[in-house]
């Protein structure tokens, strides 16, 4: 299991809010730190992937438990 340095829960938020909250949180984090995002919006699977290609931050893991999606992103 990946240890997150910070966790944000964006369940109930719809696109683009989860991505905006993730970007805002990552801006405050130091390089090498891990952010866990807990979401129930299926679009985060695509929007996070596209964002990470541009940002250079790294998706360490993404898994889904029922309707809940867990993303682990390492700040570049």
C-alpha atoms as a PDB file:
ATOM      1  CA  UNK A   1       0.000   0.000   0.000  1.00  0.00           C
ATOM      2  CA  UNK A   2       1.226   3.470  -0.862  1.00  0.00           C
ATOM      3  CA  UNK A   3       1.604   5.928   2.017  1.00  0.00           C
ATOM      4  CA  UNK A   4       0.065   9.281   1.163  1.00  0.00           C
ATOM      5  CA  UNK A   5       1.464  12.493   2.622  1.00  0.00           C
ATOM      6  CA  UNK A   6      -1.820  14.277   2.006  1.00  0.00           C
ATOM      7  CA  UNK A   7      -5.367  13.101   1.210  1.00  0.00           C
ATOM      8  CA  UNK A   8      -8.226  14.948  -0.423  1.00  0.00           C
ATOM      9  CA  UNK A   9     -11.734  13.514  -0.634  1.00  0.00           C
ATOM     10  CA  UNK A  10     -13.587  14.838  -3.664  1.00  0.00           C
ATOM     11  CA  UNK A  11     -16.500  12.396  -3.543  1.00  0.00           C
ATOM     12  CA  UNK A  12     -19.692  14.089  -4.644  1.00  0.00           C
ATOM     13  CA  UNK A  13     -17.784  16.614  -6.772  1.00  0.00           C
ATOM     14  CA  UNK A  14     -18.235  16.491 -10.524  1.00  0.00           C
ATOM     15  CA  UNK A  15     -15.797  17.365 -13.310  1.00  0.00           C
ATOM     16  CA  UNK A  16     -13.931  19.726 -13.409  1.00  0.00           C
ATOM     17  CA  UNK A  17     -13.969  20.253  -9.611  1.00  0.00           C
ATOM     18  CA  UNK A  18     -11.914  17.130  -8.659  1.00  0.00           C
ATOM     19  CA  UNK A  19      -9.156  18.114 -11.101  1.00  0.00           C
ATOM     20  CA  UNK A  20      -9.142  21.743  -9.934  1.00  0.00           C
ATOM     21  CA  UNK A  21      -8.916  20.681  -6.281  1.00  0.00           C
ATOM     22  CA  UNK A  22      -6.115  18.227  -7.138  1.00  0.00           C
ATOM     23  CA  UNK A  23      -4.115  20.844  -9.057  1.00  0.00           C
ATOM     24  CA  UNK A  24      -4.545  23.360  -6.231  1.00  0.00           C
ATOM     25  CA  UNK A  25      -3.385  20.851  -3.610  1.00  0.00           C
ATOM     26  CA  UNK A  26      -0.387  19.685  -5.661  1.00  0.00           C
ATOM     27  CA  UNK A  27       0.783  23.300  -5.983  1.00  0.00           C
ATOM     28  CA  UNK A  28       1.185  23.456  -2.198  1.00  0.00           C
ATOM     29  CA  UNK A  29       3.127  20.184  -1.928  1.00  0.00           C
ATOM     30  CA  UNK A  30       6.870  19.597  -2.052  1.00  0.00           C
ATOM     31  CA  UNK A  31       8.517  17.475  -4.726  1.00  0.00           C
ATOM     32  CA  UNK A  32       8.430  13.746  -3.948  1.00  0.00           C
ATOM     33  CA  UNK A  33       5.342  13.968  -1.736  1.00  0.00           C
ATOM     34  CA  UNK A  34       2.336  11.746  -2.481  1.00  0.00           C
ATOM     35  CA  UNK A  35      -1.257  12.929  -2.769  1.00  0.00           C
ATOM     36  CA  UNK A  36      -4.158  10.502  -2.484  1.00  0.00           C
ATOM     37  CA  UNK A  37      -7.394  11.570  -4.141  1.00  0.00           C
ATOM     38  CA  UNK A  38     -10.598   9.761  -3.244  1.00  0.00           C
ATOM     39  CA  UNK A  39     -13.249  10.238  -5.925  1.00  0.00           C
ATOM     40  CA  UNK A  40     -16.516   8.789  -7.179  1.00  0.00           C
ATOM     41  CA  UNK A  41     -16.445  10.619 -10.526  1.00  0.00           C
ATOM     42  CA  UNK A  42     -15.508   8.202 -13.334  1.00  0.00           C
ATOM     43  CA  UNK A  43     -14.193  11.077 -15.478  1.00  0.00           C
ATOM     44  CA  UNK A  44     -11.228  11.505 -13.111  1.00  0.00           C
ATOM     45  CA  UNK A  45      -9.671   8.423 -14.714  1.00  0.00           C
ATOM     46  CA  UNK A  46      -9.339  10.343 -17.999  1.00  0.00           C
ATOM     47  CA  UNK A  47      -8.889  13.915 -16.803  1.00  0.00           C
ATOM     48  CA  UNK A  48      -6.131  13.032 -14.332  1.00  0.00           C
ATOM     49  CA  UNK A  49      -4.282  11.037 -16.998  1.00  0.00           C
ATOM     50  CA  UNK A  50      -4.367  13.994 -19.416  1.00  0.00           C
ATOM     51  CA  UNK A  51      -3.309  16.449 -16.712  1.00  0.00           C
ATOM     52  CA  UNK A  52      -0.397  14.284 -15.571  1.00  0.00           C
ATOM     53  CA  UNK A  53       0.962  14.016 -19.106  1.00  0.00           C
ATOM     54  CA  UNK A  54       1.313  17.817 -19.112  1.00  0.00           C
ATOM     55  CA  UNK A  55       2.312  18.428 -15.500  1.00  0.00           C
ATOM     56  CA  UNK A  56       5.029  15.815 -15.188  1.00  0.00           C
ATOM     57  CA  UNK A  57       3.613  14.613 -11.861  1.00  0.00           C
ATOM     58  CA  UNK A  58       3.480  10.809 -11.617  1.00  0.00           C
ATOM     59  CA  UNK A  59       0.478   8.537 -11.156  1.00  0.00           C
ATOM     60  CA  UNK A  60       1.767   5.864  -8.789  1.00  0.00           C
ATOM     61  CA  UNK A  61      -1.464   3.892  -8.579  1.00  0.00           C
ATOM     62  CA  UNK A  62      -5.141   4.056  -9.386  1.00  0.00           C
ATOM     63  CA  UNK A  63      -7.617   1.476  -8.202  1.00  0.00           C
ATOM     64  CA  UNK A  64     -11.343   1.294  -7.796  1.00  0.00           C
ATOM     65  CA  UNK A  65     -13.316  -0.204  -4.896  1.00  0.00           C
ATOM     66  CA  UNK A  66     -16.927  -0.324  -6.028  1.00  0.00           C
ATOM     67  CA  UNK A  67     -17.841   3.253  -6.916  1.00  0.00           C
ATOM     68  CA  UNK A  68     -14.843   4.795  -5.126  1.00  0.00           C
ATOM     69  CA  UNK A  69     -11.678   5.536  -7.105  1.00  0.00           C
ATOM     70  CA  UNK A  70      -8.321   6.024  -5.363  1.00  0.00           C
ATOM     71  CA  UNK A  71      -5.580   7.942  -7.193  1.00  0.00           C
ATOM     72  CA  UNK A  72      -2.028   8.247  -5.827  1.00  0.00           C
ATOM     73  CA  UNK A  73       0.000  11.036  -7.421  1.00  0.00           C
ATOM     74  CA  UNK A  74       3.614  11.928  -6.665  1.00  0.00           C
ATOM     75  CA  UNK A  75       4.486  15.604  -7.005  1.00  0.00           C
ATOM     76  CA  UNK A  76       7.390  16.114  -9.434  1.00  0.00           C
END
